Protein backbone atom coordinates (compact mmCIF):
# COMPACT_ATOMS: atom_id res chain seq x y z
CA UNK A 1 -120.40 71.52 -0.03
CA UNK A 2 -122.27 72.91 -3.03
CA UNK A 3 -121.12 71.89 -6.50
CA UNK A 4 -122.55 73.29 -9.71
CA UNK A 5 -123.27 69.99 -11.46
CA UNK A 6 -123.86 70.53 -15.16
CA UNK A 7 -123.84 67.18 -16.95
CA UNK A 8 -123.80 66.87 -20.73
CA UNK A 9 -122.19 63.55 -21.73
CA UNK A 10 -124.61 61.26 -19.89
CA UNK A 11 -127.61 63.41 -20.76
CA UNK A 12 -127.02 63.87 -24.49
CA UNK A 13 -125.63 60.45 -25.40
CA UNK A 14 -127.24 57.00 -25.08
CA UNK A 15 -126.66 54.93 -21.95
CA UNK A 16 -126.24 51.19 -21.57
CA UNK A 17 -129.70 49.78 -20.90
CA UNK A 18 -128.28 47.08 -18.66
CA UNK A 19 -127.81 48.58 -15.18
CA UNK A 20 -125.99 45.58 -13.71
CA UNK A 21 -122.27 45.93 -12.95
CA UNK A 22 -121.04 42.77 -14.62
CA UNK A 23 -118.36 42.41 -17.31
CA UNK A 24 -119.87 42.38 -20.77
CA UNK A 25 -119.79 43.77 -24.27
CA UNK A 26 -121.73 47.03 -24.12
CA UNK A 27 -123.62 47.67 -27.35
CA UNK A 28 -125.66 50.62 -28.63
CA UNK A 29 -124.31 52.89 -25.87
CA UNK A 30 -121.56 55.41 -25.10
CA UNK A 31 -121.42 54.62 -21.38
CA UNK A 32 -122.73 52.49 -18.53
CA UNK A 33 -124.06 53.74 -15.21
CA UNK A 34 -122.06 52.36 -12.28
CA UNK A 35 -121.44 53.48 -8.71
CA UNK A 36 -117.94 53.53 -7.19
CA UNK A 37 -116.94 50.92 -4.64
CA UNK A 38 -117.10 51.96 -1.00
CA UNK A 39 -113.68 51.97 0.62
CA UNK A 40 -112.63 50.79 4.05
CA UNK A 41 -110.99 53.87 5.59
CA UNK A 42 -110.52 56.75 3.11
CA UNK A 43 -107.90 59.35 3.98
CA UNK A 44 -107.08 62.57 2.12
CA UNK A 45 -103.36 62.70 1.34
CA UNK A 46 -103.21 65.84 -0.78
CA UNK A 47 -105.46 68.25 -2.64
CA UNK A 48 -104.67 70.71 -5.43
CA UNK A 49 -105.54 74.21 -4.32
CA UNK A 50 -105.62 75.35 -7.95
CA UNK A 51 -108.16 72.74 -8.98
CA UNK A 52 -110.30 73.55 -5.94
CA UNK A 53 -110.52 77.10 -7.28
CA UNK A 54 -111.22 75.89 -10.82
CA UNK A 55 -114.12 73.77 -9.59
CA UNK A 56 -115.51 76.32 -7.16
CA UNK A 57 -114.78 74.27 -4.04
CA UNK A 58 -113.46 76.03 -0.95
CA UNK A 59 -110.38 74.98 0.97
CA UNK A 60 -112.59 74.54 4.01
CA UNK A 61 -114.87 72.17 2.12
CA UNK A 62 -111.86 70.11 0.99
CA UNK A 63 -111.06 69.34 4.62
CA UNK A 64 -114.54 68.01 5.34
CA UNK A 65 -115.61 64.39 5.66
CA UNK A 66 -118.15 65.02 2.93
CA UNK A 67 -115.37 65.94 0.46
CA UNK A 68 -113.41 62.79 1.23
CA UNK A 69 -116.49 60.59 0.88
CA UNK A 70 -117.51 62.07 -2.47
CA UNK A 71 -114.03 62.08 -4.00
CA UNK A 72 -113.27 58.53 -2.96
CA UNK A 73 -116.63 57.25 -4.18
CA UNK A 74 -118.07 56.44 -0.74
CA UNK A 75 -120.95 58.83 -1.34
CA UNK A 76 -122.70 59.77 -4.57
CA UNK A 77 -123.27 63.51 -4.88
CA UNK A 78 -126.96 64.49 -5.19
CA UNK A 79 -128.23 65.02 -8.74
CA UNK A 80 -125.40 62.94 -10.19
CA UNK A 81 -125.27 59.52 -11.84
CA UNK A 82 -121.72 58.11 -12.01
CA UNK A 83 -120.80 56.24 -15.18
CA UNK A 84 -117.98 54.54 -17.08
CA UNK A 85 -117.29 55.26 -20.76
CA UNK A 86 -117.35 52.69 -23.53
CA UNK A 87 -114.42 52.78 -25.94
CA UNK A 88 -112.06 50.50 -27.82
CA UNK A 89 -108.51 50.89 -29.00
CA UNK A 90 -105.38 49.70 -30.71
CA UNK A 91 -102.86 48.48 -28.14
CA UNK A 92 -99.24 48.17 -29.27
CA UNK A 93 -100.44 48.27 -32.87
CA UNK A 94 -103.19 45.64 -32.60
CA UNK A 95 -106.94 46.11 -32.40
CA UNK A 96 -108.04 45.11 -28.90
CA UNK A 97 -111.80 45.53 -29.30
CA UNK A 98 -113.82 46.92 -26.42
CA UNK A 99 -111.74 48.36 -23.58
CA UNK A 100 -113.57 51.17 -21.78
CA UNK A 101 -113.17 52.73 -18.34
CA UNK A 102 -112.04 49.63 -16.49
CA UNK A 103 -110.94 51.46 -13.37
CA UNK A 104 -112.22 54.99 -13.97
CA UNK A 105 -115.66 56.22 -12.96
CA UNK A 106 -116.96 59.62 -14.02
CA UNK A 107 -118.76 61.33 -11.14
CA UNK A 108 -120.26 64.39 -12.82
CA UNK A 109 -119.46 67.51 -14.82
CA UNK A 110 -118.99 70.89 -13.18
CA UNK A 111 -119.51 74.29 -14.75
CA UNK A 112 -117.67 77.07 -12.93
CA UNK A 113 -116.62 80.49 -14.24
CA UNK A 114 -117.85 79.49 -17.71
CA UNK A 115 -115.56 76.45 -17.81
CA UNK A 116 -116.83 72.91 -18.12
CA UNK A 117 -114.96 70.17 -16.25
CA UNK A 118 -115.48 66.40 -16.20
CA UNK A 119 -114.61 64.90 -12.82
CA UNK A 120 -113.46 61.30 -12.67
CA UNK A 121 -112.18 58.86 -10.05
CA UNK A 122 -109.37 56.48 -11.00
CA UNK A 123 -109.18 53.34 -8.88
CA UNK A 124 -112.75 53.48 -7.59
CA UNK A 125 -113.80 49.92 -8.39
CA UNK A 126 -115.15 47.57 -11.01
CA UNK A 127 -117.14 48.57 -14.07
CA UNK A 128 -118.60 46.57 -16.96
CA UNK A 129 -115.30 47.32 -18.77
CA UNK A 130 -112.94 45.96 -16.11
CA UNK A 131 -112.50 42.61 -17.89
CA UNK A 132 -110.51 40.40 -15.49
CA UNK A 133 -109.22 43.29 -13.34
CA UNK A 134 -110.50 44.68 -10.04
CA UNK A 135 -110.89 48.33 -11.07
CA UNK A 136 -108.64 49.52 -8.25
CA UNK A 137 -105.37 51.45 -8.13
CA UNK A 138 -102.44 51.44 -5.74
CA UNK A 139 -100.70 54.23 -3.87
CA UNK A 140 -97.50 54.26 -5.95
CA UNK A 141 -99.21 54.73 -9.32
CA UNK A 142 -101.69 57.21 -7.87
CA UNK A 143 -98.92 59.42 -6.47
CA UNK A 144 -97.22 59.37 -9.87
CA UNK A 145 -100.38 60.38 -11.71
CA UNK A 146 -101.42 63.03 -9.20
CA UNK A 147 -98.10 64.85 -9.12
CA UNK A 148 -97.20 64.41 -12.79
CA UNK A 149 -100.46 65.70 -14.21
CA UNK A 150 -100.16 68.88 -12.16
CA UNK A 151 -96.45 69.20 -12.99
CA UNK A 152 -97.17 68.88 -16.71
CA UNK A 153 -99.76 71.65 -16.52
CA UNK A 154 -97.22 74.04 -15.02
CA UNK A 155 -94.68 73.04 -17.65
CA UNK A 156 -97.18 74.28 -20.22
CA UNK A 157 -97.94 70.81 -21.58
CA UNK A 158 -101.59 70.11 -22.50
CA UNK A 159 -102.79 67.64 -19.88
CA UNK A 160 -105.57 66.33 -17.72
CA UNK A 161 -105.41 67.68 -14.17
CA UNK A 162 -105.77 66.20 -10.69
CA UNK A 163 -107.92 67.43 -7.83
CA UNK A 164 -107.13 65.05 -5.00
CA UNK A 165 -105.13 62.06 -3.90
CA UNK A 166 -106.66 59.77 -1.29
CA UNK A 167 -105.71 56.52 0.36
CA UNK A 168 -108.55 54.00 0.36
CA UNK A 169 -107.60 51.97 3.42
CA UNK A 170 -107.93 48.81 1.34
CA UNK A 171 -105.20 46.39 0.28
CA UNK A 172 -104.82 45.77 -3.45
CA UNK A 173 -103.07 42.74 -4.96
CA UNK A 174 -100.59 43.60 -7.73
CA UNK A 175 -97.76 41.91 -9.60
CA UNK A 176 -95.55 44.95 -10.10
CA UNK A 177 -93.05 43.26 -12.43
CA UNK A 178 -95.45 40.76 -14.05
CA UNK A 179 -93.11 37.97 -12.88
CA UNK A 180 -95.55 35.82 -10.95
CA UNK A 181 -94.87 37.40 -7.56
CA UNK A 182 -97.98 39.42 -6.65
CA UNK A 183 -98.11 41.25 -3.33
CA UNK A 184 -100.62 43.40 -1.49
CA UNK A 185 -100.16 47.16 -1.68
CA UNK A 186 -101.97 50.17 -0.29
CA UNK A 187 -104.97 51.17 -2.36
CA UNK A 188 -105.51 54.76 -3.48
CA UNK A 189 -107.83 56.90 -5.58
CA UNK A 190 -107.00 59.93 -7.71
CA UNK A 191 -109.66 62.40 -8.71
CA UNK A 192 -108.83 63.41 -12.28
CA UNK A 193 -110.27 66.46 -14.01
CA UNK A 194 -110.40 67.52 -17.67
CA UNK A 195 -112.81 69.31 -20.00
CA UNK A 196 -113.51 65.81 -21.33
CA UNK A 197 -112.01 62.33 -21.15
CA UNK A 198 -113.16 61.36 -24.67
CA UNK A 199 -110.46 59.38 -26.50
CA UNK A 200 -109.76 58.24 -30.05
CA UNK A 201 -111.07 54.87 -28.89
CA UNK A 202 -114.57 56.24 -28.20
CA UNK A 203 -114.97 56.74 -31.94
CA UNK A 204 -113.14 53.57 -32.91
CA UNK A 205 -115.47 51.23 -31.03
CA UNK A 206 -118.64 52.61 -32.63
CA UNK A 207 -117.07 52.56 -36.10
CA UNK A 208 -115.75 49.01 -35.63
CA UNK A 209 -119.27 47.91 -34.71
CA UNK A 210 -120.65 49.79 -37.74
CA UNK A 211 -122.90 51.80 -35.47
CA UNK A 212 -122.70 54.89 -37.66
CA UNK A 213 -125.72 56.57 -36.10
CA UNK A 214 -124.11 56.49 -32.67
CA UNK A 215 -120.74 57.47 -34.19
CA UNK A 216 -122.37 60.58 -35.63
CA UNK A 217 -124.08 61.43 -32.34
CA UNK A 218 -120.80 61.16 -30.46
CA UNK A 219 -118.91 63.24 -33.02
CA UNK A 220 -121.61 65.92 -33.14
CA UNK A 221 -121.63 66.05 -29.34
CA UNK A 222 -117.83 66.43 -29.25
CA UNK A 223 -117.80 69.21 -31.83
CA UNK A 224 -120.68 71.05 -30.16
CA UNK A 225 -119.10 71.15 -26.71
CA UNK A 226 -115.34 71.15 -27.34
CA UNK A 227 -114.81 72.52 -30.86
CA UNK A 228 -117.37 75.37 -30.96
CA UNK A 229 -115.35 77.31 -33.57
CA UNK A 230 -116.33 74.69 -36.13
CA UNK A 231 -119.52 76.19 -37.54
CA UNK A 232 -119.62 74.68 -41.03
CA UNK A 233 -122.08 71.90 -41.73
CA UNK A 234 -122.18 68.66 -43.66
CA UNK A 235 -119.19 66.44 -44.27
CA UNK A 236 -116.81 69.40 -44.17
CA UNK A 237 -117.61 69.74 -40.47
CA UNK A 238 -116.06 66.34 -39.76
CA UNK A 239 -113.02 67.06 -41.92
CA UNK A 240 -112.40 70.28 -40.03
CA UNK A 241 -112.85 68.40 -36.76
CA UNK A 242 -110.22 65.89 -37.82
CA UNK A 243 -107.86 68.64 -38.93
CA UNK A 244 -108.11 70.40 -35.55
CA UNK A 245 -107.54 67.13 -33.68
CA UNK A 246 -104.41 66.53 -35.78
CA UNK A 247 -103.12 69.99 -34.91
CA UNK A 248 -103.78 69.54 -31.20
CA UNK A 249 -102.09 66.14 -31.23
CA UNK A 250 -99.00 67.57 -32.91
CA UNK A 251 -98.80 70.42 -30.41
CA UNK A 252 -99.07 68.00 -27.48
CA UNK A 253 -96.26 65.77 -28.76
CA UNK A 254 -94.04 68.80 -29.53
CA UNK A 255 -94.40 69.77 -25.86
CA UNK A 256 -93.52 66.22 -24.78
CA UNK A 257 -90.33 66.39 -26.85
CA UNK A 258 -89.54 69.87 -25.53
CA UNK A 259 -89.44 68.78 -21.89
CA UNK A 260 -88.19 65.22 -22.43
CA UNK A 261 -91.40 63.42 -21.49
CA UNK A 262 -92.08 59.86 -22.71
CA UNK A 263 -95.68 58.73 -22.38
CA UNK A 264 -94.89 55.02 -22.54
CA UNK A 265 -98.31 53.73 -23.68
CA UNK A 266 -99.51 55.66 -26.73
CA UNK A 267 -102.33 53.23 -27.49
CA UNK A 268 -105.30 54.83 -29.25
CA UNK A 269 -107.42 54.41 -26.12
CA UNK A 270 -104.85 56.61 -24.33
CA UNK A 271 -105.10 59.44 -26.87
CA UNK A 272 -107.30 62.37 -25.88
CA UNK A 273 -109.50 63.82 -28.62
CA UNK A 274 -108.67 67.23 -27.11
CA UNK A 275 -104.93 66.78 -27.45
CA UNK A 276 -104.36 66.39 -23.72
CA UNK A 277 -101.80 64.12 -22.07
CA UNK A 278 -103.97 61.42 -20.54
CA UNK A 279 -103.46 58.20 -18.55
CA UNK A 280 -100.19 58.56 -16.67
CA UNK A 281 -99.03 54.96 -16.44
CA UNK A 282 -95.43 53.87 -17.08
CA UNK A 283 -94.33 57.33 -18.21
CA UNK A 284 -90.82 58.67 -17.71
CA UNK A 285 -88.51 61.63 -18.17
CA UNK A 286 -85.34 61.41 -20.20
CA UNK A 287 -82.40 61.22 -17.86
CA UNK A 288 -79.70 60.44 -20.41
CA UNK A 289 -80.80 61.91 -23.76
CA UNK A 290 -81.67 58.81 -25.81
CA UNK A 291 -84.10 58.60 -28.73
CA UNK A 292 -84.48 54.84 -28.17
CA UNK A 293 -85.52 55.01 -24.52
CA UNK A 294 -88.92 53.82 -23.32
CA UNK A 295 -90.05 53.70 -19.67
CA UNK A 296 -92.41 50.78 -20.27
CA UNK A 297 -91.18 47.25 -19.46
CA UNK A 298 -93.93 45.83 -21.69
CA UNK A 299 -92.40 47.79 -24.58
CA UNK A 300 -88.77 46.91 -23.77
CA UNK A 301 -88.24 44.75 -26.86
CA UNK A 302 -90.19 46.54 -29.59
CA UNK A 303 -89.65 50.05 -28.16
CA UNK A 304 -92.68 51.13 -30.15
CA UNK A 305 -93.33 54.03 -27.80
CA UNK A 306 -89.74 55.22 -27.40
CA UNK A 307 -88.92 58.92 -27.13
CA UNK A 308 -87.80 59.29 -30.74
CA UNK A 309 -90.86 57.51 -32.10
CA UNK A 310 -93.61 59.49 -30.41
CA UNK A 311 -94.23 61.78 -33.40
CA UNK A 312 -94.65 58.78 -35.73
CA UNK A 313 -97.01 57.02 -33.35
CA UNK A 314 -99.06 60.20 -33.19
CA UNK A 315 -99.54 59.97 -36.96
CA UNK A 316 -100.30 56.23 -36.80
CA UNK A 317 -102.97 56.85 -34.19
CA UNK A 318 -104.48 59.69 -36.22
CA UNK A 319 -104.65 57.32 -39.20
CA UNK A 320 -106.76 54.97 -37.05
CA UNK A 321 -108.97 57.88 -36.01
CA UNK A 322 -109.40 58.83 -39.68
CA UNK A 323 -110.54 55.28 -40.41
CA UNK A 324 -112.98 55.50 -37.53
CA UNK A 325 -114.71 58.69 -38.69
CA UNK A 326 -114.54 57.82 -42.40
CA UNK A 327 -118.21 56.66 -42.43
CA UNK A 328 -119.21 60.27 -41.64
CA UNK A 329 -117.28 61.56 -44.67
CA UNK A 330 -117.16 58.64 -47.13
CA UNK A 331 -114.29 60.17 -49.05
CA UNK A 332 -110.66 59.25 -48.48
CA UNK A 333 -108.75 61.93 -50.40
CA UNK A 334 -109.54 64.80 -48.05
CA UNK A 335 -108.69 62.75 -44.98
CA UNK A 336 -105.47 61.58 -46.60
CA UNK A 337 -104.51 65.16 -47.47
CA UNK A 338 -104.79 66.11 -43.80
CA UNK A 339 -102.69 63.12 -42.78
CA UNK A 340 -100.13 63.91 -45.49
CA UNK A 341 -99.61 67.38 -44.01
CA UNK A 342 -98.73 65.93 -40.59
CA UNK A 343 -95.00 65.38 -41.10
CA UNK A 344 -94.37 68.83 -42.55
CA UNK A 345 -96.38 70.51 -39.79
CA UNK A 346 -94.61 68.51 -37.11
CA UNK A 347 -91.15 69.21 -38.53
CA UNK A 348 -91.83 72.94 -38.84
CA UNK A 349 -93.11 73.18 -35.26
CA UNK A 350 -90.34 70.96 -33.93
CA UNK A 351 -87.62 73.13 -35.46
CA UNK A 352 -89.29 76.28 -34.13
CA UNK A 353 -89.48 74.70 -30.68
CA UNK A 354 -85.81 73.72 -30.80
CA UNK A 355 -84.86 77.23 -31.90
CA UNK A 356 -86.42 78.53 -28.71
CA UNK A 357 -84.63 75.91 -26.61
CA UNK A 358 -81.34 77.02 -28.19
CA UNK A 359 -82.02 80.74 -27.73
CA UNK A 360 -82.53 81.66 -31.39
CA UNK A 361 -85.05 84.40 -32.21
CA UNK A 362 -84.28 84.46 -35.92
CA UNK A 363 -85.07 81.57 -38.24
CA UNK A 364 -82.11 80.67 -40.46
CA UNK A 365 -81.67 77.78 -42.88
CA UNK A 366 -78.63 76.52 -41.00
CA UNK A 367 -80.73 75.85 -37.88
CA UNK A 368 -81.79 72.40 -39.05
CA UNK A 369 -78.16 71.35 -39.38
CA UNK A 370 -77.33 72.69 -35.90
CA UNK A 371 -80.30 70.86 -34.37
CA UNK A 372 -79.47 67.57 -36.11
CA UNK A 373 -75.83 67.70 -35.07
CA UNK A 374 -76.82 68.49 -31.48
CA UNK A 375 -79.12 65.48 -31.30
CA UNK A 376 -76.23 63.29 -32.45
CA UNK A 377 -73.80 64.84 -29.95
CA UNK A 378 -76.24 64.43 -27.07
CA UNK A 379 -76.25 60.67 -27.63
CA UNK A 380 -72.47 60.28 -27.93
CA UNK A 381 -72.13 60.58 -24.17
CA UNK A 382 -74.79 60.07 -21.52
CA UNK A 383 -76.18 63.57 -21.10
CA UNK A 384 -78.99 64.78 -18.86
CA UNK A 385 -81.42 66.61 -21.14
CA UNK A 386 -82.93 68.94 -18.55
CA UNK A 387 -79.61 70.07 -17.07
CA UNK A 388 -77.97 70.46 -20.48
CA UNK A 389 -80.55 72.83 -21.94
CA UNK A 390 -80.95 74.77 -18.72
CA UNK A 391 -77.21 75.34 -18.40
CA UNK A 392 -76.83 76.10 -22.11
CA UNK A 393 -78.70 79.31 -21.40
CA UNK A 394 -75.65 80.47 -19.41
CA UNK A 395 -73.39 80.20 -22.45
CA UNK A 396 -72.69 83.70 -23.77
CA UNK A 397 -72.10 84.61 -27.40
CA UNK A 398 -68.55 85.72 -26.65
CA UNK A 399 -67.51 82.38 -25.13
CA UNK A 400 -65.02 80.02 -26.71
CA UNK A 401 -65.97 76.36 -27.05
CA UNK A 402 -63.70 75.45 -24.15
CA UNK A 403 -65.51 77.95 -21.90
CA UNK A 404 -68.89 76.63 -22.99
CA UNK A 405 -67.84 73.09 -22.08
CA UNK A 406 -67.24 74.21 -18.49
CA UNK A 407 -70.82 75.51 -18.36
CA UNK A 408 -72.52 72.40 -19.71
CA UNK A 409 -70.29 69.63 -18.35
CA UNK A 410 -72.47 69.09 -15.26
CA UNK A 411 -75.01 67.53 -17.60
CA UNK A 412 -72.66 64.66 -18.48
CA UNK A 413 -73.04 61.57 -16.32
CA UNK A 414 -69.35 60.72 -16.66
CA UNK A 415 -67.05 63.55 -17.70
CA UNK A 416 -64.18 61.05 -17.91
CA UNK A 417 -65.88 59.76 -21.09
CA UNK A 418 -65.61 63.26 -22.59
CA UNK A 419 -62.52 62.61 -24.70
CA UNK A 420 -61.24 61.61 -28.14
CA UNK A 421 -63.99 61.52 -30.80
CA UNK A 422 -66.71 62.50 -28.34
CA UNK A 423 -64.82 65.63 -27.31
CA UNK A 424 -64.07 66.55 -30.92
CA UNK A 425 -67.73 66.23 -31.93
CA UNK A 426 -68.86 68.36 -29.00
CA UNK A 427 -66.28 71.08 -29.65
CA UNK A 428 -67.30 71.14 -33.31
CA UNK A 429 -70.95 71.54 -32.35
CA UNK A 430 -70.26 74.25 -29.78
CA UNK A 431 -68.21 76.21 -32.30
CA UNK A 432 -71.08 75.94 -34.76
CA UNK A 433 -73.56 77.00 -32.06
CA UNK A 434 -71.49 79.98 -30.88
CA UNK A 435 -71.04 81.17 -34.46
CA UNK A 436 -74.80 80.98 -34.94
CA UNK A 437 -75.45 82.84 -31.67
CA UNK A 438 -73.36 85.79 -32.88
CA UNK A 439 -75.90 86.32 -35.67
CA UNK A 440 -78.58 87.07 -33.09
CA UNK A 441 -79.11 90.71 -32.14
CA UNK A 442 -80.39 89.96 -28.63
CA UNK A 443 -78.28 90.40 -25.51
CA UNK A 444 -76.98 87.46 -23.49
CA UNK A 445 -79.38 88.44 -20.71
CA UNK A 446 -82.42 88.35 -22.98
CA UNK A 447 -81.24 85.08 -24.51
CA UNK A 448 -81.04 83.53 -21.04
CA UNK A 449 -84.50 84.84 -20.13
CA UNK A 450 -85.98 83.43 -23.34
CA UNK A 451 -84.35 80.03 -22.88
CA UNK A 452 -85.43 79.79 -19.24
CA UNK A 453 -89.05 80.16 -20.36
CA UNK A 454 -88.93 76.93 -22.39
CA UNK A 455 -86.17 74.91 -20.70
CA UNK A 456 -87.42 73.86 -17.26
CA UNK A 457 -85.08 73.63 -14.32
CA UNK A 458 -87.23 71.06 -12.52
CA UNK A 459 -89.10 68.07 -13.95
CA UNK A 460 -90.75 65.18 -12.10
CA UNK A 461 -88.04 62.58 -12.54
CA UNK A 462 -88.87 58.95 -11.84
CA UNK A 463 -86.44 58.66 -8.94
CA UNK A 464 -88.11 61.67 -7.29
CA UNK A 465 -91.49 60.00 -7.67
CA UNK A 466 -90.09 56.82 -6.11
CA UNK A 467 -88.71 58.74 -3.13
CA UNK A 468 -92.15 60.27 -2.54
CA UNK A 469 -93.75 56.82 -2.88
CA UNK A 470 -91.35 55.21 -0.43
CA UNK A 471 -92.07 57.91 2.14
CA UNK A 472 -95.82 57.74 1.60
CA UNK A 473 -95.84 53.97 2.09
CA UNK A 474 -94.87 54.60 5.73
CA UNK A 475 -97.32 57.49 6.17
CA UNK A 476 -94.95 60.40 5.47
CA UNK A 477 -96.43 62.74 2.84
CA UNK A 478 -93.97 65.61 3.21
CA UNK A 479 -92.21 64.93 -0.11
CA UNK A 480 -95.52 64.93 -1.96
CA UNK A 481 -96.12 68.46 -0.71
CA UNK A 482 -92.53 69.52 -1.46
CA UNK A 483 -92.66 68.28 -5.04
CA UNK A 484 -96.14 69.71 -5.53
CA UNK A 485 -94.92 73.18 -4.53
CA UNK A 486 -91.65 72.96 -6.49
CA UNK A 487 -93.30 71.75 -9.68
CA UNK A 488 -95.72 74.67 -9.65
CA UNK A 489 -92.84 76.89 -10.82
CA UNK A 490 -90.59 74.59 -12.86
CA UNK A 491 -88.98 77.44 -14.81
CA UNK A 492 -88.01 79.46 -11.73
CA UNK A 493 -84.63 79.10 -10.03
CA UNK A 494 -86.16 78.28 -6.61
CA UNK A 495 -82.83 78.01 -4.70
CA UNK A 496 -84.63 76.29 -1.81
CA UNK A 497 -85.11 73.28 -4.14
CA UNK A 498 -81.65 73.35 -5.73
CA UNK A 499 -80.86 69.80 -4.59
CA UNK A 500 -83.47 68.49 -7.05
CA UNK A 501 -81.65 70.12 -9.98
CA UNK A 502 -79.35 67.16 -10.32
CA UNK A 503 -78.77 64.07 -12.41
CA UNK A 504 -80.37 60.75 -11.55
CA UNK A 505 -78.35 59.20 -8.68
CA UNK A 506 -76.52 55.92 -9.33
CA UNK A 507 -78.78 53.99 -6.95
CA UNK A 508 -81.75 54.81 -9.17
CA UNK A 509 -80.22 53.69 -12.47
CA UNK A 510 -81.76 50.20 -12.41
CA UNK A 511 -84.11 50.41 -9.43
CA UNK A 512 -87.72 49.34 -9.98
CA UNK A 513 -89.84 52.46 -10.39
CA UNK A 514 -86.88 54.68 -11.26
CA UNK A 515 -85.74 53.40 -14.64
CA UNK A 516 -88.58 51.42 -16.21
CA UNK A 517 -92.09 50.59 -15.04
CA UNK A 518 -94.86 48.18 -15.91
CA UNK A 519 -98.49 49.03 -16.56
CA UNK A 520 -99.34 47.51 -13.17
CA UNK A 521 -101.19 49.94 -10.93
């Protein structure tokens, strides 16, 4: 197997001088060299054919022993020097100091078809940044990350990707509920791929340590390789860099809101500088539309990272990034001006996104009112977000409100609750919506086509992930393949997968792994 290794990060930025793999504070460096841990009996569970093509690896090569050994960390590819990144971060609003790649090891970078990719193993063993953890990952969390990252890509959401999912053959001790009852689980390794895995926290750690020389090197490297359109020099270069990062972050969160995705752990060390969804831990998809919902058990009380708060956390995190790069600019007004534009930019893009979800081509002043009233109505009765918007596309302009209700009612978890004030509010909204639709010049057919491009029929619901996990635990990987194929075309009807276009079943409402999850993996 021949790979076109083309490293930049570990060649252009300073390495940790200490080559021992012991936990420590890593100073004056952007990364530490470390080799993955050899596993007991690695087994390939699934591989992404698309990412094989992106990386220039043949299907035949992916079936080889050599492929499995390299992408589980049992063998180091020639001409490569695996490493773990040094970064810090704010976790749940508090500065946590040095964090770093505690269970991720970067293998190498690949250049193929003029695209640069960083290739990383998650769950491949200890690094200097592992703190008190073992650097490993378990099968359940690895399945979730593997399938969700690929599903998000096909939904059109900016995201890291996944090349392969392997079982390690090792047993890993985890306390899934953090309740003092740890148990051994099957170990696994995901090979993650992205143009870069640089996070807000990479800049924060150098700034917090007042290492401004290294901060500048890292920022210049990032601009050079990932923001090549920034050609101005001096302090304005860093302001433009920050402005572009803000825009990418807004776009990413708008996409999350569009498909009903809740990240669950929007710490600054989990924020990609490229505006990619990164670190799929206790994420979740809205089942009942609820602005207060979070999938993270650790966040159950504060609900800091709830669905309706993601846009505000994006701004909070960008504020911390602004503080981190301030030493390169030494002027607050320009940074503040960029931050001050965030809310207006987000609101404008959010309304435009919602217009598309509702089938509006024209932009009218009344749209904000219609959107606001819809968001209230959706929370009056437990309503499945995905099914509601998908079925709304079938509502024609000529319908009466009573006819429209028949189209969307499958999205309600309990239609018996659709009465009294709830029913009145919904009828009022539908009448408002139908009146607005009549102002559009497009046909019902075109409206449906437009809406089906932004309202997915299939998303990777938590209960689906749990079903795949349960099967995989006993060596049956058929559901992994089924979901992988279905989620490649989430906007298509795909009648062969119709059974997955359904609300969360009752058994999954409070089941571990289906409703809320911990950070344990």
